Protein backbone atom coordinates (compact mmCIF):
# COMPACT_ATOMS: atom_id res chain seq x y z
CA MET A 1 -15.45 16.08 -39.38
CA LYS A 2 -17.59 13.07 -38.60
CA LEU A 3 -18.64 11.59 -35.27
CA HIS A 4 -19.00 7.83 -35.06
CA GLN A 5 -18.37 4.73 -32.89
CA ASP A 6 -16.45 2.56 -35.35
CA TRP A 7 -13.35 1.00 -33.78
CA THR A 8 -12.32 -0.33 -37.19
CA SER A 9 -11.96 3.12 -38.74
CA PRO A 10 -8.73 3.62 -40.77
CA GLY A 11 -8.16 6.81 -38.79
CA PHE A 12 -6.69 4.66 -36.01
CA GLY A 13 -3.75 4.11 -38.32
CA LEU A 14 -2.70 7.78 -38.06
CA ARG A 15 0.48 8.67 -36.17
CA PRO A 16 0.03 9.59 -32.47
CA VAL A 17 0.66 13.25 -31.72
CA ALA A 18 2.93 12.18 -28.84
CA GLY A 19 5.36 9.48 -29.91
CA ALA A 20 6.55 6.43 -27.98
CA THR A 21 3.19 5.97 -26.27
CA GLY A 22 2.88 2.24 -26.83
CA PRO A 23 -0.51 0.58 -27.28
CA PHE A 24 -2.59 3.14 -25.42
CA ALA A 25 -3.98 5.03 -28.44
CA THR A 26 -4.77 1.94 -30.51
CA SER A 27 -8.31 0.90 -31.28
CA GLU A 28 -7.59 -2.58 -29.92
CA PHE A 29 -6.57 -1.31 -26.50
CA LEU A 30 -9.22 1.41 -26.22
CA SER A 31 -12.08 -0.85 -27.28
CA THR A 32 -10.89 -3.57 -24.87
CA ILE A 33 -10.62 -1.28 -21.86
CA ARG A 34 -13.95 0.33 -22.63
CA GLU A 35 -15.66 -3.04 -22.92
CA ALA A 36 -14.12 -4.15 -19.62
CA TRP A 37 -14.57 -0.98 -17.59
CA GLY A 38 -16.76 1.40 -19.56
CA SER A 39 -19.58 3.15 -17.76
CA THR A 40 -23.14 2.66 -18.94
CA ASP A 41 -23.56 6.40 -18.30
CA ALA A 42 -21.05 7.34 -20.99
CA GLU A 43 -21.59 7.70 -24.73
CA LEU A 44 -18.63 6.92 -26.94
CA VAL A 45 -17.75 9.60 -29.49
CA ILE A 46 -14.96 9.06 -32.02
CA ALA A 47 -14.32 12.34 -33.80
CA GLU A 48 -12.51 11.93 -37.10
CA SER A 49 -11.31 14.17 -39.92
CA ALA A 50 -9.15 13.48 -42.95
CA ASP A 51 -5.97 13.70 -40.88
CA ALA A 52 -6.93 13.36 -37.20
CA LEU A 53 -8.85 11.22 -34.72
CA VAL A 54 -9.89 11.79 -31.09
CA CYS A 55 -11.79 9.37 -28.80
CA LEU A 56 -14.00 10.68 -25.99
CA ASP A 57 -16.46 9.36 -23.45
CA ILE A 58 -19.33 11.80 -22.98
CA PHE A 59 -20.88 11.95 -19.51
CA ASP A 60 -23.56 14.22 -18.13
CA ASP A 61 -20.84 16.26 -16.41
CA GLY A 62 -18.50 16.54 -19.40
CA ALA A 63 -16.10 14.82 -21.76
CA ARG A 64 -13.21 12.57 -20.78
CA PRO A 65 -10.87 10.23 -22.64
CA VAL A 66 -11.66 6.51 -22.74
CA GLY A 67 -10.47 4.42 -19.78
CA HIS A 68 -9.60 5.14 -16.15
CA ARG A 69 -6.33 6.98 -15.54
CA ASP A 70 -5.05 4.13 -13.36
CA LEU A 71 -5.17 1.78 -16.36
CA VAL A 72 -4.17 4.10 -19.22
CA ASP A 73 -0.59 5.33 -18.98
CA TYR A 74 -0.51 7.68 -21.97
CA ARG A 75 -3.23 9.74 -23.64
CA THR A 76 -2.63 11.06 -27.13
CA PRO A 77 -4.88 11.88 -30.06
CA LEU A 78 -3.91 10.84 -33.56
CA GLY A 79 -2.97 12.93 -36.57
CA GLY A 80 -1.57 16.34 -37.35
CA SER A 81 -4.69 18.45 -36.75
CA ALA A 82 -5.95 16.62 -33.65
CA GLY A 83 -6.13 19.77 -31.54
CA ASP A 84 -8.38 21.54 -34.04
CA LEU A 85 -10.49 18.39 -34.32
CA LEU A 86 -11.01 18.27 -30.55
CA GLY A 87 -12.17 21.89 -30.54
CA GLU A 88 -14.51 21.30 -33.45
CA ALA A 89 -15.95 18.16 -31.85
CA LEU A 90 -16.59 19.97 -28.58
CA GLY A 91 -18.13 22.85 -30.50
CA SER A 92 -20.61 20.45 -32.07
CA MET A 93 -21.78 19.32 -28.61
CA PRO A 94 -23.00 22.53 -26.90
CA ALA A 95 -24.40 20.62 -23.91
CA ILE A 96 -20.88 19.61 -22.87
CA ALA A 97 -19.55 22.17 -20.40
CA ARG A 98 -16.40 20.48 -19.09
CA LEU A 99 -13.41 18.65 -20.51
CA ALA A 100 -10.95 16.66 -18.39
CA TYR A 101 -7.85 14.91 -19.77
CA ASP A 102 -5.15 13.16 -17.76
CA SER A 103 -1.79 11.52 -18.49
CA VAL A 104 -1.01 13.58 -21.59
CA PRO A 105 2.64 13.87 -22.69
CA GLU A 106 4.04 16.66 -24.81
CA PRO A 107 3.39 17.60 -27.57
CA ALA A 108 -0.12 16.16 -27.28
CA ALA A 109 -0.86 18.34 -24.23
CA THR A 110 -0.11 21.53 -26.18
CA ALA A 111 -2.13 20.39 -29.19
CA LEU A 112 -5.22 19.50 -27.13
CA ALA A 113 -5.07 22.65 -24.98
CA ASP A 114 -4.57 24.93 -27.98
CA GLY A 115 -7.36 23.25 -29.91
CA ALA A 116 -9.89 23.68 -27.11
CA SER A 117 -8.75 27.27 -26.48
CA GLU A 118 -9.21 28.24 -30.11
CA TRP A 119 -12.82 27.14 -29.87
CA GLY A 120 -13.47 29.39 -26.89
CA TRP A 121 -12.79 27.06 -23.98
CA LYS A 122 -10.99 28.22 -20.85
CA VAL A 123 -8.17 25.71 -20.44
CA ALA A 124 -5.84 24.96 -17.52
CA VAL A 125 -2.85 22.66 -17.98
CA SER A 126 -1.13 21.36 -14.84
CA PRO A 127 1.58 18.78 -14.05
CA GLY A 128 0.13 15.34 -13.41
CA ASP A 129 1.69 11.92 -13.11
CA VAL A 130 5.15 11.07 -14.37
CA ALA A 131 6.29 8.11 -16.40
CA ALA A 132 9.73 6.52 -15.99
CA VAL A 133 11.48 5.84 -19.28
CA LEU A 134 14.83 4.16 -19.83
CA ALA A 135 16.59 5.10 -23.07
CA LEU A 136 18.52 2.03 -24.17
CA PRO A 137 22.08 2.12 -25.52
CA GLY A 138 23.52 -0.22 -28.13
CA SER A 139 24.84 -2.86 -25.73
CA PHE A 140 24.20 -4.20 -22.25
CA ASP A 141 27.77 -3.33 -21.23
CA GLU A 142 27.06 0.30 -22.14
CA TYR A 143 23.88 0.15 -20.08
CA LEU A 144 25.71 -1.23 -17.04
CA ALA A 145 28.33 1.50 -17.34
CA SER A 146 25.61 4.17 -17.50
CA ILE A 147 23.89 3.26 -14.21
CA GLY A 148 27.02 3.67 -12.10
CA LYS A 149 29.23 1.43 -10.03
CA ARG A 150 26.90 0.92 -7.06
CA GLU A 151 23.80 -0.05 -9.07
CA ARG A 152 25.87 -2.14 -11.47
CA HIS A 153 27.30 -4.07 -8.53
CA GLU A 154 23.83 -4.57 -7.02
CA LEU A 155 22.37 -5.85 -10.28
CA ARG A 156 25.18 -8.37 -10.71
CA ARG A 157 25.10 -9.41 -7.05
CA LYS A 158 21.35 -10.06 -7.08
CA ARG A 159 21.57 -12.07 -10.27
CA ARG A 160 24.42 -14.17 -8.87
CA ARG A 161 22.63 -14.77 -5.57
CA TYR A 162 19.44 -15.76 -7.37
CA GLU A 163 21.29 -18.23 -9.57
CA GLU A 164 23.18 -19.70 -6.61
CA SER A 165 19.83 -20.32 -4.88
CA GLY A 166 18.85 -22.65 -7.71
CA GLY A 167 16.64 -20.32 -9.73
CA SER A 168 16.77 -20.30 -13.50
CA ILE A 169 18.36 -17.25 -15.15
CA GLU A 170 16.03 -17.28 -18.11
CA LEU A 171 12.87 -15.58 -19.24
CA LEU A 172 9.92 -17.54 -20.50
CA HIS A 173 7.75 -15.47 -22.86
CA VAL A 174 4.11 -16.37 -23.45
CA ASP A 175 1.29 -14.58 -25.23
CA ASP A 176 -1.58 -16.87 -24.33
CA PRO A 177 -3.64 -17.20 -21.12
CA GLY A 178 -2.32 -20.54 -19.96
CA ASP A 179 -0.49 -21.71 -16.84
CA VAL A 180 1.95 -18.78 -16.72
CA PHE A 181 -0.95 -16.33 -16.77
CA ASP A 182 -2.66 -18.24 -13.97
CA GLN A 183 0.52 -18.07 -11.90
CA PHE A 184 0.83 -14.32 -12.60
CA VAL A 185 -2.69 -13.85 -11.23
CA GLU A 186 -1.86 -16.02 -8.21
CA LEU A 187 1.28 -14.00 -7.42
CA HIS A 188 -0.79 -10.82 -7.42
CA ARG A 189 -3.30 -12.26 -4.99
CA ARG A 190 -0.55 -13.41 -2.66
CA SER A 191 1.04 -9.96 -2.59
CA GLU A 192 1.09 -7.94 0.59
CA GLY A 193 -0.82 -4.72 1.16
CA GLU A 194 -2.95 -2.97 -1.44
CA LYS A 195 -1.39 -4.90 -4.32
CA GLY A 196 -2.91 -8.09 -2.98
CA SER A 197 -6.44 -6.84 -3.65
CA PHE A 198 -5.72 -5.52 -7.16
CA MET A 199 -6.36 -8.69 -9.16
CA THR A 200 -10.10 -9.03 -8.76
CA VAL A 201 -12.09 -11.35 -10.99
CA PRO A 202 -13.06 -8.48 -13.36
CA MET A 203 -9.43 -7.33 -13.45
CA GLU A 204 -8.31 -10.86 -14.30
CA ARG A 205 -10.79 -10.90 -17.20
CA TYR A 206 -9.42 -7.57 -18.40
CA PHE A 207 -5.81 -8.77 -18.36
CA ARG A 208 -6.85 -11.98 -20.09
CA ALA A 209 -8.48 -9.89 -22.83
CA LEU A 210 -5.36 -7.77 -23.24
CA LEU A 211 -3.31 -10.91 -23.70
CA SER A 212 -5.31 -11.70 -26.84
CA LEU A 213 -4.24 -8.43 -28.49
CA PRO A 214 -1.17 -8.03 -30.75
CA GLY A 215 2.07 -7.19 -28.97
CA TRP A 216 0.97 -8.11 -25.43
CA GLY A 217 2.65 -10.87 -23.47
CA ILE A 218 4.00 -12.14 -20.16
CA ASP A 219 7.68 -12.60 -19.37
CA ALA A 220 8.28 -14.98 -16.49
CA LEU A 221 11.37 -15.69 -14.41
CA ILE A 222 11.34 -19.34 -13.38
CA GLY A 223 11.96 -20.09 -9.72
CA ILE A 224 13.74 -22.78 -7.74
CA ASP A 225 10.79 -25.17 -7.89
CA GLY A 226 10.16 -24.64 -11.58
CA ARG A 227 7.28 -22.26 -10.96
CA VAL A 228 7.13 -18.56 -11.75
CA ALA A 229 9.17 -16.47 -9.31
CA ALA A 230 8.39 -13.13 -10.97
CA ALA A 231 6.39 -12.07 -14.02
CA SER A 232 5.89 -8.92 -16.04
CA PHE A 233 2.88 -8.13 -18.19
CA GLY A 234 3.65 -5.74 -21.01
CA HIS A 235 3.60 -4.69 -24.63
CA ARG A 236 6.29 -4.72 -27.30
CA ASP A 237 6.22 -2.55 -30.43
CA ALA A 238 8.67 -0.96 -32.86
CA ASP A 239 9.78 1.63 -30.28
CA GLY A 240 10.43 -0.70 -27.39
CA TYR A 241 8.93 -2.44 -24.39
CA TYR A 242 6.20 -1.05 -22.11
CA LEU A 243 5.95 -2.66 -18.67
CA TYR A 244 2.27 -2.50 -17.76
CA ASN A 245 2.21 -4.63 -14.62
CA SER A 246 4.33 -7.07 -12.64
CA ALA A 247 4.26 -9.39 -9.64
CA PHE A 248 6.69 -11.62 -7.76
CA ASP A 249 6.58 -14.50 -5.33
CA PRO A 250 6.65 -13.01 -1.80
CA ASP A 251 8.12 -16.25 -0.43
CA VAL A 252 11.39 -15.63 -2.30
CA ARG A 253 11.67 -11.88 -1.91
CA HIS A 254 15.01 -12.42 -0.16
CA ILE A 255 16.61 -13.34 -3.50
CA SER A 256 15.09 -10.34 -5.35
CA PRO A 257 13.31 -12.12 -8.22
CA GLY A 258 11.69 -8.92 -9.44
CA GLN A 259 15.00 -7.07 -9.80
CA VAL A 260 16.65 -10.07 -11.44
CA MET A 261 13.79 -10.28 -13.92
CA LEU A 262 14.05 -6.58 -14.79
CA GLY A 263 17.78 -6.85 -15.40
CA LEU A 264 17.23 -9.77 -17.74
CA MET A 265 14.42 -7.96 -19.53
CA ILE A 266 16.51 -4.85 -20.08
CA GLU A 267 19.34 -6.99 -21.39
CA ARG A 268 17.01 -8.75 -23.81
CA ALA A 269 15.38 -5.50 -24.96
CA ILE A 270 18.81 -4.12 -25.85
CA SER A 271 19.72 -7.31 -27.73
CA GLU A 272 16.48 -7.03 -29.71
CA GLY A 273 17.25 -3.45 -30.75
CA CYS A 274 14.68 -1.65 -28.61
CA SER A 275 15.26 2.07 -28.17
CA VAL A 276 13.28 2.39 -24.92
CA PHE A 277 12.29 0.33 -21.92
CA ASP A 278 9.29 2.16 -20.53
CA PHE A 279 8.31 1.52 -16.89
CA LEU A 280 5.21 3.66 -17.54
CA LYS A 281 3.52 5.74 -14.83
CA GLY A 282 4.81 5.84 -11.27
CA ASP A 283 7.85 7.32 -9.57
CA GLU A 284 9.02 4.24 -7.65
CA THR A 285 12.68 4.53 -6.70
CA TYR A 286 13.80 1.25 -8.28
CA LYS A 287 12.94 2.54 -11.77
CA PHE A 288 15.39 5.41 -11.48
CA ARG A 289 18.06 3.27 -9.89
CA LEU A 290 17.88 1.20 -13.05
CA GLY A 291 18.54 4.30 -15.13
CA ALA A 292 15.11 5.62 -16.05
CA THR A 293 14.39 9.33 -16.30
CA GLU A 294 11.12 11.15 -15.73
CA ARG A 295 8.73 11.83 -18.59
CA PRO A 296 6.30 14.50 -17.39
CA LEU A 297 2.60 14.05 -18.04
CA TYR A 298 -0.06 16.73 -17.85
CA ASP A 299 -3.68 17.09 -16.79
CA ILE A 300 -5.93 19.32 -18.87
CA VAL A 301 -9.18 20.80 -17.63
CA GLY A 302 -11.38 22.92 -19.87
CA THR A 303 -14.63 24.79 -19.26
CA ARG A 304 -16.86 26.80 -21.57
């Protein structure tokens, strides 16, 4: 085992213990979120062996994974012996008395808990957040049949009403921080309630940085006036699409631009051969009406 802080280590090429977890265990994402939001009180420790890698932030009160739970949807170490590596790494840092992990899917939760336990830690695993994941069939017609008559009718009705209003039934994809990104930021700031205060200047810088990484992009539904009516910010990889964030124009909520956009995105994901459309964390009703099922995530707390 070695402990280092090298984001370019080849160990980041190992397979995640929990599959279908998108960009959240990559060195590009973790280094970006740590640069944007990392605490000056934390020391980065990347523990690596021949066949495993684990990233931790070390605070005075214990060890935690990199990045705030509100911005990291899945936590998973890399490699076949990641649980043992975590235990060994913690064993090499006797001053650390507490471990706290969040947002861990199976089988990563079992591997991490077992690894810490084998090195003498008392470990508690409890249900945490849930993700909403839509398994995609081979065709959009199959998808529509799977969600049932009522939801199928609603999806078609909203699309028809949006088109009749003069909106464009097309998605514009961009992967650079130009005008579409600026409009995405603007839509956030015009949102009602808590969402309207989400896109602070530091948060805008963070999203702009993500957009420079491989696989990230914005998909925009164009509105009646040629401007963005709804936009999604997400990541595409070999497994599928991961919807990280979205916003819509509150002035046209009556024609459901967000729902129309999601229908179009699911249709496109199926046509591109994606196996999953992942809405990520959150149990909002609309995700399950569109056919998603819960993926349980776990919180792990360990003490010496």
